[in-house]
Amino acid sequence: MPSVRTTVDIPDPLYRQLKARAATEGRSVKELILHGVQVELHGTLTKPRRRIKLPIVPSRKPGTLRLDNDHVYEVIPFP
């Protein structure tokens, strides 16, 4: 699909927020801006997020599981 190059002036504080959000989401600033334009023009285009089943860490007595950094690796499988 052909595209058009354009220039947009974004205030520095807003650009820093944009850049931080893009980094947090593992996306480029360009991808985040294009997504924002698509959402503004066409509504939400994202897939619904997968629901998380709770509890994430199973316990025989919910609310009593005490974890420290060493025990986390025993309870949650990490790659």
Protein backbone atom coordinates (compact mmCIF):
# COMPACT_ATOMS: atom_id res chain seq x y z
CA MET A 1 0.00 0.00 0.00
CA PRO A 2 1.45 3.41 -0.89
CA SER A 3 2.17 5.76 1.98
CA VAL A 4 2.62 9.48 2.52
CA ARG A 5 5.42 11.04 4.54
CA THR A 6 4.43 13.91 6.78
CA THR A 7 5.86 15.99 9.59
CA VAL A 8 4.07 16.48 12.87
CA ASP A 9 5.31 18.73 15.66
CA ILE A 10 4.89 16.97 19.00
CA PRO A 11 5.71 18.88 22.20
CA ASP A 12 8.79 17.46 23.98
CA PRO A 13 6.99 16.27 27.14
CA LEU A 14 4.35 14.48 25.07
CA TYR A 15 7.01 12.90 22.83
CA ARG A 16 8.89 11.60 25.88
CA GLN A 17 5.66 9.94 27.09
CA LEU A 18 5.05 8.54 23.61
CA LYS A 19 8.57 7.14 23.38
CA ALA A 20 8.35 5.60 26.86
CA ARG A 21 4.99 3.96 26.05
CA ALA A 22 6.35 2.56 22.79
CA ALA A 23 9.37 1.12 24.60
CA THR A 24 7.19 -0.39 27.32
CA GLU A 25 5.02 -2.08 24.69
CA GLY A 26 7.99 -3.22 22.60
CA ARG A 27 6.84 -1.14 19.62
CA SER A 28 8.29 1.70 17.65
CA VAL A 29 7.05 5.28 17.99
CA LYS A 30 5.86 5.05 14.39
CA GLU A 31 3.81 1.91 15.12
CA LEU A 32 2.24 3.53 18.17
CA ILE A 33 1.34 6.70 16.25
CA LEU A 34 -0.15 4.71 13.35
CA HIS A 35 -2.16 2.61 15.78
CA GLY A 36 -3.47 5.78 17.45
CA VAL A 37 -4.53 7.21 14.09
CA GLN A 38 -6.29 3.95 13.16
CA VAL A 39 -8.13 3.85 16.49
CA GLU A 40 -9.15 7.50 16.11
CA LEU A 41 -10.47 6.93 12.59
CA HIS A 42 -11.93 3.44 12.85
CA GLY A 43 -12.43 2.68 16.53
CA THR A 44 -10.59 0.05 18.54
CA LEU A 45 -8.68 -2.36 16.33
CA THR A 46 -6.91 -4.39 19.00
CA LYS A 47 -7.71 -7.99 19.78
CA PRO A 48 -9.22 -8.58 23.19
CA ARG A 49 -6.59 -9.57 25.72
CA ARG A 50 -6.53 -13.11 27.00
CA ARG A 51 -8.10 -13.30 30.44
CA ILE A 52 -5.82 -14.42 33.24
CA LYS A 53 -7.06 -17.18 35.49
CA LEU A 54 -6.53 -16.53 39.15
CA PRO A 55 -4.75 -17.50 41.25
CA ILE A 56 -1.59 -17.10 39.21
CA VAL A 57 0.39 -18.84 41.97
CA PRO A 58 -1.55 -21.86 43.28
CA SER A 59 -1.88 -22.28 47.04
CA ARG A 60 -3.53 -24.90 49.22
CA LYS A 61 -4.52 -22.07 51.58
CA PRO A 62 -5.20 -18.92 49.52
CA GLY A 63 -3.89 -15.75 51.10
CA THR A 64 -1.32 -17.55 53.21
CA LEU A 65 1.40 -18.14 50.64
CA ARG A 66 4.48 -16.16 51.59
CA LEU A 67 7.10 -15.88 48.90
CA ASP A 68 10.57 -14.45 48.95
CA ASN A 69 12.81 -14.11 45.91
CA ASP A 70 14.30 -17.59 46.34
CA HIS A 71 10.92 -19.34 46.56
CA VAL A 72 9.46 -17.60 43.50
CA TYR A 73 11.65 -19.74 41.25
CA GLU A 74 10.38 -22.89 42.94
CA VAL A 75 6.71 -21.98 42.47
CA ILE A 76 6.66 -20.29 39.05
CA PRO A 77 8.32 -22.05 36.09
CA PHE A 78 10.69 -19.72 34.27
CA PRO A 79 12.20 -20.56 30.88
